[in-house]
Amino acid sequence: MSKKFIRDIFYYDNHYLDFFGKLKPEVKKKFNWILQLIATIDKVPEKYFKHMTNSTGIYEVRVEVGSDIYRVFSFFDKGNLIVLANGFQKKTQKTPKSELDLAEKLKKQYFNEQRDSK
């Protein structure tokens, strides 16, 4: 059964792919499942995809496998294009400010490159 994609996912500048490449197979499988969910269902549960407060439109893709927690920051472009930026393993309750700052920087860089290529 094929699912209709309502969102496209773009891996920006290998940040996500470098992170993904280092993950255990079961974590990769869960990430792939959640990304498919994000791409194909209209209302994605916050458990898997959540807007980050105190950000300029940064969202986090949320993955839990056992007691391990992983996050990938992302943002929207052109309505239904989700751009995946940096990923990390979450080891504390609070999201590391350095990771959110990096996501903001990558978002700015991405849109500057989009603007400059026109």
PDB file of N, CA and C in Angstrom:
ATOM      1  N   MET A   1       0.840  -1.184   0.000  1.00  0.00           N
ATOM      2  CA  MET A   1       0.000   0.000   0.000  1.00  0.00           C
ATOM      3  C   MET A   1       0.889   1.252   0.000  1.00  0.00           C
ATOM      4  N   SER A   2       0.724   2.111  -0.989  1.00  0.00           N
ATOM      5  CA  SER A   2       1.538   3.316  -1.019  1.00  0.00           C
ATOM      6  C   SER A   2       0.788   4.450  -0.332  1.00  0.00           C
ATOM      7  N   LYS A   3       1.546   5.286   0.350  1.00  0.00           N
ATOM      8  CA  LYS A   3       0.956   6.412   1.055  1.00  0.00           C
ATOM      9  C   LYS A   3       1.201   7.678   0.254  1.00  0.00           C
ATOM     10  N   LYS A   4       0.244   8.576   0.324  1.00  0.00           N
ATOM     11  CA  LYS A   4       0.354   9.840  -0.384  1.00  0.00           C
ATOM     12  C   LYS A   4       1.178  10.808   0.478  1.00  0.00           C
ATOM     13  N   PHE A   5       2.189  11.384  -0.132  1.00  0.00           N
ATOM     14  CA  PHE A   5       3.028  12.326   0.598  1.00  0.00           C
ATOM     15  C   PHE A   5       2.393  13.706   0.565  1.00  0.00           C
ATOM     16  N   ILE A   6       2.211  14.296   1.736  1.00  0.00           N
ATOM     17  CA  ILE A   6       1.675  15.650   1.814  1.00  0.00           C
ATOM     18  C   ILE A   6       2.769  16.652   2.185  1.00  0.00           C
ATOM     19  N   ARG A   7       3.920  16.133   2.589  1.00  0.00           N
ATOM     20  CA  ARG A   7       5.087  16.969   2.883  1.00  0.00           C
ATOM     21  C   ARG A   7       6.318  16.308   2.278  1.00  0.00           C
ATOM     22  N   ASP A   8       7.245  17.139   1.827  1.00  0.00           N
ATOM     23  CA  ASP A   8       8.527  16.635   1.355  1.00  0.00           C
ATOM     24  C   ASP A   8       9.564  16.878   2.436  1.00  0.00           C
ATOM     25  N   ILE A   9      10.558  16.013   2.498  1.00  0.00           N
ATOM     26  CA  ILE A   9      11.624  16.150   3.489  1.00  0.00           C
ATOM     27  C   ILE A   9      12.943  16.312   2.759  1.00  0.00           C
ATOM     28  N   PHE A  10      13.710  17.311   3.196  1.00  0.00           N
ATOM     29  CA  PHE A  10      14.988  17.647   2.580  1.00  0.00           C
ATOM     30  C   PHE A  10      16.068  17.596   3.653  1.00  0.00           C
ATOM     31  N   TYR A  11      17.160  16.915   3.347  1.00  0.00           N
ATOM     32  CA  TYR A  11      18.284  16.822   4.282  1.00  0.00           C
ATOM     33  C   TYR A  11      19.264  17.943   3.954  1.00  0.00           C
ATOM     34  N   TYR A  12      19.362  18.931   4.829  1.00  0.00           N
ATOM     35  CA  TYR A  12      20.197  20.092   4.549  1.00  0.00           C
ATOM     36  C   TYR A  12      21.669  19.817   4.846  1.00  0.00           C
ATOM     37  N   ASP A  13      22.484  19.973   3.824  1.00  0.00           N
ATOM     38  CA  ASP A  13      23.942  20.023   3.962  1.00  0.00           C
ATOM     39  C   ASP A  13      24.545  18.852   4.758  1.00  0.00           C
ATOM     40  N   ASN A  14      23.942  17.675   4.660  1.00  0.00           N
ATOM     41  CA  ASN A  14      24.443  16.445   5.300  1.00  0.00           C
ATOM     42  C   ASN A  14      24.449  16.447   6.828  1.00  0.00           C
ATOM     43  N   HIS A  15      23.941  17.489   7.484  1.00  0.00           N
ATOM     44  CA  HIS A  15      23.933  17.495   8.955  1.00  0.00           C
ATOM     45  C   HIS A  15      23.129  16.316   9.497  1.00  0.00           C
ATOM     46  N   TYR A  16      21.926  16.132   8.967  1.00  0.00           N
ATOM     47  CA  TYR A  16      21.096  15.017   9.429  1.00  0.00           C
ATOM     48  C   TYR A  16      21.707  13.670   9.020  1.00  0.00           C
ATOM     49  N   LEU A  17      22.152  13.572   7.783  1.00  0.00           N
ATOM     50  CA  LEU A  17      22.673  12.282   7.297  1.00  0.00           C
ATOM     51  C   LEU A  17      23.929  11.857   8.055  1.00  0.00           C
ATOM     52  N   ASP A  18      24.780  12.800   8.436  1.00  0.00           N
ATOM     53  CA  ASP A  18      25.964  12.468   9.239  1.00  0.00           C
ATOM     54  C   ASP A  18      25.539  11.929  10.606  1.00  0.00           C
ATOM     55  N   PHE A  19      24.570  12.588  11.218  1.00  0.00           N
ATOM     56  CA  PHE A  19      24.028  12.152  12.507  1.00  0.00           C
ATOM     57  C   PHE A  19      23.380  10.768  12.374  1.00  0.00           C
ATOM     58  N   PHE A  20      22.538  10.618  11.364  1.00  0.00           N
ATOM     59  CA  PHE A  20      21.797   9.374  11.134  1.00  0.00           C
ATOM     60  C   PHE A  20      22.750   8.194  10.922  1.00  0.00           C
ATOM     61  N   GLY A  21      23.832   8.426  10.219  1.00  0.00           N
ATOM     62  CA  GLY A  21      24.790   7.368   9.915  1.00  0.00           C
ATOM     63  C   GLY A  21      25.436   6.743  11.139  1.00  0.00           C
ATOM     64  N   LYS A  22      25.454   7.462  12.250  1.00  0.00           N
ATOM     65  CA  LYS A  22      26.103   6.984  13.477  1.00  0.00           C
ATOM     66  C   LYS A  22      25.133   6.260  14.422  1.00  0.00           C
ATOM     67  N   LEU A  23      23.850   6.225  14.048  1.00  0.00           N
ATOM     68  CA  LEU A  23      22.847   5.642  14.943  1.00  0.00           C
ATOM     69  C   LEU A  23      22.775   4.118  14.827  1.00  0.00           C
ATOM     70  N   LYS A  24      22.266   3.495  15.889  1.00  0.00           N
ATOM     71  CA  LYS A  24      22.039   2.048  15.889  1.00  0.00           C
ATOM     72  C   LYS A  24      20.894   1.726  14.935  1.00  0.00           C
ATOM     73  N   PRO A  25      20.888   0.513  14.354  1.00  0.00           N
ATOM     74  CA  PRO A  25      19.845   0.142  13.388  1.00  0.00           C
ATOM     75  C   PRO A  25      18.417   0.348  13.887  1.00  0.00           C
ATOM     76  N   GLU A  26      18.148   0.023  15.152  1.00  0.00           N
ATOM     77  CA  GLU A  26      16.774   0.181  15.654  1.00  0.00           C
ATOM     78  C   GLU A  26      16.366   1.654  15.770  1.00  0.00           C
ATOM     79  N   VAL A  27      17.342   2.533  16.018  1.00  0.00           N
ATOM     80  CA  VAL A  27      17.052   3.974  16.089  1.00  0.00           C
ATOM     81  C   VAL A  27      16.819   4.510  14.671  1.00  0.00           C
ATOM     82  N   LYS A  28      17.616   4.046  13.721  1.00  0.00           N
ATOM     83  CA  LYS A  28      17.431   4.449  12.316  1.00  0.00           C
ATOM     84  C   LYS A  28      16.037   4.054  11.832  1.00  0.00           C
ATOM     85  N   LYS A  29      15.635   2.838  12.188  1.00  0.00           N
ATOM     86  CA  LYS A  29      14.321   2.334  11.773  1.00  0.00           C
ATOM     87  C   LYS A  29      13.211   3.222  12.333  1.00  0.00           C
ATOM     88  N   LYS A  30      13.323   3.617  13.590  1.00  0.00           N
ATOM     89  CA  LYS A  30      12.302   4.473  14.219  1.00  0.00           C
ATOM     90  C   LYS A  30      12.313   5.863  13.577  1.00  0.00           C
ATOM     91  N   PHE A  31      13.493   6.424  13.306  1.00  0.00           N
ATOM     92  CA  PHE A  31      13.564   7.717  12.623  1.00  0.00           C
ATOM     93  C   PHE A  31      12.869   7.642  11.266  1.00  0.00           C
ATOM     94  N   ASN A  32      13.158   6.598  10.506  1.00  0.00           N
ATOM     95  CA  ASN A  32      12.529   6.449   9.191  1.00  0.00           C
ATOM     96  C   ASN A  32      11.010   6.346   9.306  1.00  0.00           C
ATOM     97  N   TRP A  33      10.533   5.623  10.301  1.00  0.00           N
ATOM     98  CA  TRP A  33       9.100   5.473  10.514  1.00  0.00           C
ATOM     99  C   TRP A  33       8.465   6.827  10.846  1.00  0.00           C
ATOM    100  N   ILE A  34       9.106   7.588  11.740  1.00  0.00           N
ATOM    101  CA  ILE A  34       8.562   8.890  12.143  1.00  0.00           C
ATOM    102  C   ILE A  34       8.616   9.885  10.986  1.00  0.00           C
ATOM    103  N   LEU A  35       9.685   9.871  10.200  1.00  0.00           N
ATOM    104  CA  LEU A  35       9.756  10.780   9.047  1.00  0.00           C
ATOM    105  C   LEU A  35       8.677  10.442   8.025  1.00  0.00           C
ATOM    106  N   GLN A  36       8.385   9.161   7.855  1.00  0.00           N
ATOM    107  CA  GLN A  36       7.301   8.771   6.953  1.00  0.00           C
ATOM    108  C   GLN A  36       5.958   9.269   7.497  1.00  0.00           C
ATOM    109  N   LEU A  37       5.784   9.163   8.802  1.00  0.00           N
ATOM    110  CA  LEU A  37       4.570   9.665   9.453  1.00  0.00           C
ATOM    111  C   LEU A  37       4.419  11.166   9.188  1.00  0.00           C
ATOM    112  N   ILE A  38       5.495  11.914   9.399  1.00  0.00           N
ATOM    113  CA  ILE A  38       5.477  13.369   9.200  1.00  0.00           C
ATOM    114  C   ILE A  38       5.156  13.708   7.744  1.00  0.00           C
ATOM    115  N   ALA A  39       5.665  12.905   6.825  1.00  0.00           N
ATOM    116  CA  ALA A  39       5.464  13.171   5.395  1.00  0.00           C
ATOM    117  C   ALA A  39       4.068  12.800   4.915  1.00  0.00           C
ATOM    118  N   THR A  40       3.377  11.908   5.639  1.00  0.00           N
ATOM    119  CA  THR A  40       2.138  11.354   5.081  1.00  0.00           C
ATOM    120  C   THR A  40       0.861  11.632   5.871  1.00  0.00           C
ATOM    121  N   ILE A  41       0.954  12.055   7.132  1.00  0.00           N
ATOM    122  CA  ILE A  41      -0.306  12.311   7.844  1.00  0.00           C
ATOM    123  C   ILE A  41      -0.473  13.804   8.113  1.00  0.00           C
ATOM    124  N   ASP A  42      -1.736  14.228   8.104  1.00  0.00           N
ATOM    125  CA  ASP A  42      -2.046  15.643   8.217  1.00  0.00           C
ATOM    126  C   ASP A  42      -1.675  16.217   9.578  1.00  0.00           C
ATOM    127  N   LYS A  43      -2.171  15.602  10.641  1.00  0.00           N
ATOM    128  CA  LYS A  43      -1.887  16.101  11.993  1.00  0.00           C
ATOM    129  C   LYS A  43      -0.926  15.130  12.686  1.00  0.00           C
ATOM    130  N   VAL A  44       0.331  15.537  12.766  1.00  0.00           N
ATOM    131  CA  VAL A  44       1.355  14.700  13.396  1.00  0.00           C
ATOM    132  C   VAL A  44       1.302  14.927  14.914  1.00  0.00           C
ATOM    133  N   PRO A  45       1.206  13.859  15.696  1.00  0.00           N
ATOM    134  CA  PRO A  45       1.175  14.027  17.160  1.00  0.00           C
ATOM    135  C   PRO A  45       2.441  14.727  17.668  1.00  0.00           C
ATOM    136  N   GLU A  46       2.260  15.601  18.672  1.00  0.00           N
ATOM    137  CA  GLU A  46       3.392  16.335  19.253  1.00  0.00           C
ATOM    138  C   GLU A  46       4.457  15.394  19.802  1.00  0.00           C
ATOM    139  N   LYS A  47       4.053  14.201  20.119  1.00  0.00           N
ATOM    140  CA  LYS A  47       5.014  13.212  20.624  1.00  0.00           C
ATOM    141  C   LYS A  47       6.152  12.992  19.621  1.00  0.00           C
ATOM    142  N   TYR A  48       5.862  13.202  18.322  1.00  0.00           N
ATOM    143  CA  TYR A  48       6.841  12.949  17.272  1.00  0.00           C
ATOM    144  C   TYR A  48       7.376  14.206  16.585  1.00  0.00           C
ATOM    145  N   PHE A  49       6.604  15.291  16.621  1.00  0.00           N
ATOM    146  CA  PHE A  49       6.967  16.492  15.865  1.00  0.00           C
ATOM    147  C   PHE A  49       6.392  17.693  16.580  1.00  0.00           C
ATOM    148  N   LYS A  50       7.266  18.527  17.144  1.00  0.00           N
ATOM    149  CA  LYS A  50       6.798  19.599  18.012  1.00  0.00           C
ATOM    150  C   LYS A  50       7.513  20.904  17.709  1.00  0.00           C
ATOM    151  N   HIS A  51       6.736  21.999  17.733  1.00  0.00           N
ATOM    152  CA  HIS A  51       7.313  23.334  17.559  1.00  0.00           C
ATOM    153  C   HIS A  51       8.102  23.689  18.816  1.00  0.00           C
ATOM    154  N   MET A  52       9.277  24.269  18.620  1.00  0.00           N
ATOM    155  CA  MET A  52      10.113  24.686  19.745  1.00  0.00           C
ATOM    156  C   MET A  52       9.739  26.107  20.148  1.00  0.00           C
ATOM    157  N   THR A  53       9.341  26.273  21.396  1.00  0.00           N
ATOM    158  CA  THR A  53       9.057  27.621  21.882  1.00  0.00           C
ATOM    159  C   THR A  53      10.386  28.378  21.931  1.00  0.00           C
ATOM    160  N   ASN A  54      10.324  29.681  21.903  1.00  0.00           N
ATOM    161  CA  ASN A  54      11.520  30.537  21.909  1.00  0.00           C
ATOM    162  C   ASN A  54      12.424  30.260  20.714  1.00  0.00           C
ATOM    163  N   SER A  55      11.810  30.000  19.565  1.00  0.00           N
ATOM    164  CA  SER A  55      12.583  29.789  18.337  1.00  0.00           C
ATOM    165  C   SER A  55      11.898  30.535  17.203  1.00  0.00           C
ATOM    166  N   THR A  56      12.582  30.609  16.066  1.00  0.00           N
ATOM    167  CA  THR A  56      12.006  31.273  14.896  1.00  0.00           C
ATOM    168  C   THR A  56      11.451  30.228  13.935  1.00  0.00           C
ATOM    169  N   GLY A  57      10.543  29.401  14.427  1.00  0.00           N
ATOM    170  CA  GLY A  57       9.933  28.394  13.566  1.00  0.00           C
ATOM    171  C   GLY A  57      10.722  27.104  13.463  1.00  0.00           C
ATOM    172  N   ILE A  58      11.456  26.782  14.515  1.00  0.00           N
ATOM    173  CA  ILE A  58      12.195  25.517  14.563  1.00  0.00           C
ATOM    174  C   ILE A  58      11.270  24.452  15.169  1.00  0.00           C
ATOM    175  N   TYR A  59      11.280  23.281  14.556  1.00  0.00           N
ATOM    176  CA  TYR A  59      10.520  22.127  15.055  1.00  0.00           C
ATOM    177  C   TYR A  59      11.504  21.025  15.400  1.00  0.00           C
ATOM    178  N   GLU A  60      11.094  20.153  16.309  1.00  0.00           N
ATOM    179  CA  GLU A  60      11.952  19.010  16.604  1.00  0.00           C
ATOM    180  C   GLU A  60      11.228  17.725  16.244  1.00  0.00           C
ATOM    181  N   VAL A  61      11.972  16.839  15.592  1.00  0.00           N
ATOM    182  CA  VAL A  61      11.520  15.479  15.339  1.00  0.00           C
ATOM    183  C   VAL A  61      11.980  14.699  16.560  1.00  0.00           C
ATOM    184  N   ARG A  62      11.046  14.010  17.214  1.00  0.00           N
ATOM    185  CA  ARG A  62      11.328  13.375  18.494  1.00  0.00           C
ATOM    186  C   ARG A  62      11.293  11.849  18.361  1.00  0.00           C
ATOM    187  N   VAL A  63      12.371  11.210  18.789  1.00  0.00           N
ATOM    188  CA  VAL A  63      12.471   9.754  18.721  1.00  0.00           C
ATOM    189  C   VAL A  63      12.925   9.215  20.072  1.00  0.00           C
ATOM    190  N   GLU A  64      12.208   8.210  20.539  1.00  0.00           N
ATOM    191  CA  GLU A  64      12.610   7.513  21.758  1.00  0.00           C
ATOM    192  C   GLU A  64      12.717   6.031  21.441  1.00  0.00           C
ATOM    193  N   VAL A  65      13.842   5.432  21.822  1.00  0.00           N
ATOM    194  CA  VAL A  65      14.049   3.991  21.679  1.00  0.00           C
ATOM    195  C   VAL A  65      14.584   3.511  23.024  1.00  0.00           C
ATOM    196  N   GLY A  66      13.772   2.736  23.715  1.00  0.00           N
ATOM    197  CA  GLY A  66      14.147   2.327  25.064  1.00  0.00           C
ATOM    198  C   GLY A  66      14.245   3.563  25.940  1.00  0.00           C
ATOM    199  N   SER A  67      15.364   3.704  26.633  1.00  0.00           N
ATOM    200  CA  SER A  67      15.549   4.885  27.485  1.00  0.00           C
ATOM    201  C   SER A  67      16.336   5.989  26.766  1.00  0.00           C
ATOM    202  N   ASP A  68      16.684   5.752  25.502  1.00  0.00           N
ATOM    203  CA  ASP A  68      17.441   6.751  24.739  1.00  0.00           C
ATOM    204  C   ASP A  68      16.494   7.695  24.007  1.00  0.00           C
ATOM    205  N   ILE A  69      16.844   8.979  24.028  1.00  0.00           N
ATOM    206  CA  ILE A  69      16.021  10.010  23.398  1.00  0.00           C
ATOM    207  C   ILE A  69      16.876  10.749  22.367  1.00  0.00           C
ATOM    208  N   TYR A  70      16.308  10.920  21.177  1.00  0.00           N
ATOM    209  CA  TYR A  70      17.015  11.599  20.084  1.00  0.00           C
ATOM    210  C   TYR A  70      16.132  12.714  19.545  1.00  0.00           C
ATOM    211  N   ARG A  71      16.782  13.776  19.062  1.00  0.00           N
ATOM    212  CA  ARG A  71      16.056  14.891  18.472  1.00  0.00           C
ATOM    213  C   ARG A  71      16.764  15.333  17.199  1.00  0.00           C
ATOM    214  N   VAL A  72      15.962  15.773  16.243  1.00  0.00           N
ATOM    215  CA  VAL A  72      16.498  16.410  15.037  1.00  0.00           C
ATOM    216  C   VAL A  72      15.706  17.697  14.851  1.00  0.00           C
ATOM    217  N   PHE A  73      16.406  18.804  14.730  1.00  0.00           N
ATOM    218  CA  PHE A  73      15.732  20.077  14.498  1.00  0.00           C
ATOM    219  C   PHE A  73      15.458  20.241  13.015  1.00  0.00           C
ATOM    220  N   SER A  74      14.346  20.903  12.733  1.00  0.00           N
ATOM    221  CA  SER A  74      13.918  21.097  11.357  1.00  0.00           C
ATOM    222  C   SER A  74      13.153  22.406  11.257  1.00  0.00           C
ATOM    223  N   PHE A  75      12.835  22.787  10.020  1.00  0.00           N
ATOM    224  CA  PHE A  75      12.034  23.986   9.785  1.00  0.00           C
ATOM    225  C   PHE A  75      11.343  23.835   8.443  1.00  0.00           C
ATOM    226  N   PHE A  76      10.343  24.664   8.216  1.00  0.00           N
ATOM    227  CA  PHE A  76       9.570  24.602   6.984  1.00  0.00           C
ATOM    228  C   PHE A  76      10.107  25.588   5.954  1.00  0.00           C
ATOM    229  N   ASP A  77       9.997  25.199   4.686  1.00  0.00           N
ATOM    230  CA  ASP A  77      10.264  26.088   3.568  1.00  0.00           C
ATOM    231  C   ASP A  77       9.177  25.818   2.531  1.00  0.00           C
ATOM    232  N   LYS A  78       8.728  26.838   1.849  1.00  0.00           N
ATOM    233  CA  LYS A  78       7.721  26.700   0.778  1.00  0.00           C
ATOM    234  C   LYS A  78       6.519  25.875   1.218  1.00  0.00           C
ATOM    235  N   GLY A  79       6.007  26.129   2.392  1.00  0.00           N
ATOM    236  CA  GLY A  79       4.785  25.470   2.843  1.00  0.00           C
ATOM    237  C   GLY A  79       4.946  24.059   3.334  1.00  0.00           C
ATOM    238  N   ASN A  80       5.127  23.106   2.426  1.00  0.00           N
ATOM    239  CA  ASN A  80       5.157  21.702   2.819  1.00  0.00           C
ATOM    240  C   ASN A  80       6.519  21.037   2.695  1.00  0.00           C
ATOM    241  N   LEU A  81       7.578  21.828   2.610  1.00  0.00           N
ATOM    242  CA  LEU A  81       8.925  21.259   2.573  1.00  0.00           C
ATOM    243  C   LEU A  81       9.512  21.356   3.975  1.00  0.00           C
ATOM    244  N   ILE A  82       9.862  20.219   4.535  1.00  0.00           N
ATOM    245  CA  ILE A  82      10.485  20.191   5.851  1.00  0.00           C
ATOM    246  C   ILE A  82      11.984  19.980   5.642  1.00  0.00           C
ATOM    247  N   VAL A  83      12.768  20.898   6.176  1.00  0.00           N
ATOM    248  CA  VAL A  83      14.220  20.848   6.037  1.00  0.00           C
ATOM    249  C   VAL A  83      14.792  20.329   7.355  1.00  0.00           C
ATOM    250  N   LEU A  84      15.477  19.188   7.292  1.00  0.00           N
ATOM    251  CA  LEU A  84      16.106  18.617   8.492  1.00  0.00           C
ATOM    252  C   LEU A  84      17.489  19.220   8.665  1.00  0.00           C
ATOM    253  N   ALA A  85      17.763  19.669   9.875  1.00  0.00           N
ATOM    254  CA  ALA A  85      19.056  20.288  10.163  1.00  0.00           C
ATOM    255  C   ALA A  85      19.868  19.353  11.066  1.00  0.00           C
ATOM    256  N   ASN A  86      20.216  19.804  12.245  1.00  0.00           N
ATOM    257  CA  ASN A  86      21.097  19.049  13.133  1.00  0.00           C
ATOM    258  C   ASN A  86      20.339  18.085  14.038  1.00  0.00           C
ATOM    259  N   GLY A  87      21.002  16.992  14.376  1.00  0.00           N
ATOM    260  CA  GLY A  87      20.441  15.995  15.275  1.00  0.00           C
ATOM    261  C   GLY A  87      21.376  15.736  16.439  1.00  0.00           C
ATOM    262  N   PHE A  88      20.816  15.232  17.530  1.00  0.00           N
ATOM    263  CA  PHE A  88      21.625  14.939  18.711  1.00  0.00           C
ATOM    264  C   PHE A  88      20.889  13.949  19.598  1.00  0.00           C
ATOM    265  N   GLN A  89      21.651  13.309  20.483  1.00  0.00           N
ATOM    266  CA  GLN A  89      21.042  12.456  21.495  1.00  0.00           C
ATOM    267  C   GLN A  89      20.818  13.324  22.722  1.00  0.00           C
ATOM    268  N   LYS A  90      19.593  13.308  23.213  1.00  0.00           N
ATOM    269  CA  LYS A  90      19.231  14.144  24.353  1.00  0.00           C
ATOM    270  C   LYS A  90      19.575  13.400  25.640  1.00  0.00           C
ATOM    271  N   LYS A  91      20.392  14.049  26.481  1.00  0.00           N
ATOM    272  CA  LYS A  91      20.842  13.380  27.702  1.00  0.00           C
ATOM    273  C   LYS A  91      20.328  14.053  28.970  1.00  0.00           C
ATOM    274  N   THR A  92      19.673  15.211  28.816  1.00  0.00           N
ATOM    275  CA  THR A  92      19.123  15.921  29.979  1.00  0.00           C
ATOM    276  C   THR A  92      17.681  16.322  29.676  1.00  0.00           C
ATOM    277  N   GLN A  93      16.952  16.764  30.711  1.00  0.00           N
ATOM    278  CA  GLN A  93      15.573  17.219  30.536  1.00  0.00           C
ATOM    279  C   GLN A  93      15.509  18.385  29.553  1.00  0.00           C
ATOM    280  N   LYS A  94      16.424  19.319  29.724  1.00  0.00           N
ATOM    281  CA  LYS A  94      16.396  20.548  28.942  1.00  0.00           C
ATOM    282  C   LYS A  94      17.146  20.358  27.630  1.00  0.00           C
ATOM    283  N   THR A  95      16.574  20.891  26.562  1.00  0.00           N
ATOM    284  CA  THR A  95      17.243  20.839  25.255  1.00  0.00           C
ATOM    285  C   THR A  95      18.478  21.734  25.308  1.00  0.00           C
ATOM    286  N   PRO A  96      19.641  21.211  24.897  1.00  0.00           N
ATOM    287  CA  PRO A  96      20.855  22.039  24.931  1.00  0.00           C
ATOM    288  C   PRO A  96      20.705  23.292  24.071  1.00  0.00           C
ATOM    289  N   LYS A  97      20.990  24.451  24.676  1.00  0.00           N
ATOM    290  CA  LYS A  97      20.876  25.725  23.968  1.00  0.00           C
ATOM    291  C   LYS A  97      21.794  25.749  22.752  1.00  0.00           C
ATOM    292  N   SER A  98      22.950  25.116  22.848  1.00  0.00           N
ATOM    293  CA  SER A  98      23.905  25.105  21.724  1.00  0.00           C
ATOM    294  C   SER A  98      23.306  24.404  20.501  1.00  0.00           C
ATOM    295  N   GLU A  99      22.503  23.364  20.729  1.00  0.00           N
ATOM    296  CA  GLU A  99      21.876  22.644  19.605  1.00  0.00           C
ATOM    297  C   GLU A  99      20.787  23.498  18.952  1.00  0.00           C
ATOM    298  N   LEU A 100      19.989  24.177  19.777  1.00  0.00           N
ATOM    299  CA  LEU A 100      18.952  25.062  19.236  1.00  0.00           C
ATOM    300  C   LEU A 100      19.593  26.244  18.497  1.00  0.00           C
ATOM    301  N   ASP A 101      20.678  26.787  19.060  1.00  0.00           N
ATOM    302  CA  ASP A 101      21.402  27.882  18.394  1.00  0.00           C
ATOM    303  C   ASP A 101      21.947  27.432  17.043  1.00  0.00           C
ATOM    304  N   LEU A 102      22.463  26.203  16.992  1.00  0.00           N
ATOM    305  CA  LEU A 102      22.978  25.665  15.730  1.00  0.00           C
ATOM    306  C   LEU A 102      21.837  25.535  14.709  1.00  0.00           C
ATOM    307  N   ALA A 103      20.681  25.068  15.150  1.00  0.00           N
ATOM    308  CA  ALA A 103      19.533  24.944  14.248  1.00  0.00           C
ATOM    309  C   ALA A 103      19.131  26.308  13.692  1.00  0.00           C
ATOM    310  N   GLU A 104      19.117  27.317  14.537  1.00  0.00           N
ATOM    311  CA  GLU A 104      18.784  28.683  14.089  1.00  0.00           C
ATOM    312  C   GLU A 104      19.805  29.164  13.058  1.00  0.00           C
ATOM    313  N   LYS A 105      21.073  28.880  13.323  1.00  0.00           N
ATOM    314  CA  LYS A 105      22.147  29.284  12.407  1.00  0.00           C
ATOM    315  C   LYS A 105      21.996  28.571  11.059  1.00  0.00           C
ATOM    316  N   LEU A 106      21.720  27.274  11.099  1.00  0.00           N
ATOM    317  CA  LEU A 106      21.556  26.498   9.862  1.00  0.00           C
ATOM    318  C   LEU A 106      20.337  26.972   9.074  1.00  0.00           C
ATOM    319  N   LYS A 107      19.263  27.314   9.774  1.00  0.00           N
ATOM    320  CA  LYS A 107      18.065  27.823   9.104  1.00  0.00           C
ATOM    321  C   LYS A 107      18.388  29.126   8.370  1.00  0.00           C
ATOM    322  N   LYS A 108      19.074  30.020   9.042  1.00  0.00           N
ATOM    323  CA  LYS A 108      19.450  31.309   8.442  1.00  0.00           C
ATOM    324  C   LYS A 108      20.347  31.077   7.221  1.00  0.00           C
ATOM    325  N   GLN A 109      21.317  30.195   7.381  1.00  0.00           N
ATOM    326  CA  GLN A 109      22.245  29.850   6.297  1.00  0.00           C
ATOM    327  C   GLN A 109      21.489  29.268   5.099  1.00  0.00           C
ATOM    328  N   TYR A 110      20.556  28.372   5.365  1.00  0.00           N
ATOM    329  CA  TYR A 110      19.755  27.742   4.317  1.00  0.00           C
ATOM    330  C   TYR A 110      18.989  28.795   3.520  1.00  0.00           C
ATOM    331  N   PHE A 111      18.280  29.694   4.211  1.00  0.00           N
ATOM    332  CA  PHE A 111      17.479  30.698   3.510  1.00  0.00           C
ATOM    333  C   PHE A 111      18.366  31.717   2.785  1.00  0.00           C
ATOM    334  N   ASN A 112      19.543  32.011   3.323  1.00  0.00           N
ATOM    335  CA  ASN A 112      20.487  32.894   2.605  1.00  0.00           C
ATOM    336  C   ASN A 112      20.936  32.232   1.319  1.00  0.00           C
ATOM    337  N   GLU A 113      21.225  30.937   1.373  1.00  0.00           N
ATOM    338  CA  GLU A 113      21.635  30.208   0.160  1.00  0.00           C
ATOM    339  C   GLU A 113      20.490  30.163  -0.865  1.00  0.00           C
ATOM    340  N   GLN A 114      19.261  29.970  -0.394  1.00  0.00           N
ATOM    341  CA  GLN A 114      18.097  29.954  -1.294  1.00  0.00           C
ATOM    342  C   GLN A 114      17.944  31.302  -1.989  1.00  0.00           C
ATOM    343  N   ARG A 115      18.087  32.369  -1.217  1.00  0.00           N
ATOM    344  CA  ARG A 115      17.943  33.729  -1.755  1.00  0.00           C
ATOM    345  C   ARG A 115      19.064  34.024  -2.758  1.00  0.00           C
ATOM    346  N   ASP A 116      20.300  33.647  -2.397  1.00  0.00           N
ATOM    347  CA  ASP A 116      21.453  33.950  -3.242  1.00  0.00           C
ATOM    348  C   ASP A 116      21.464  33.146  -4.537  1.00  0.00           C
ATOM    349  N   SER A 117      20.770  32.009  -4.549  1.00  0.00           N
ATOM    350  CA  SER A 117      20.773  31.168  -5.760  1.00  0.00           C
ATOM    351  C   SER A 117      19.743  31.623  -6.789  1.00  0.00           C
ATOM    352  N   LYS A 118      18.969  32.638  -6.456  1.00  0.00           N
ATOM    353  CA  LYS A 118      17.930  33.121  -7.376  1.00  0.00           C
ATOM    354  C   LYS A 118      18.447  34.239  -8.253  1.00  0.00           C
TER     355      LYS A 118
END
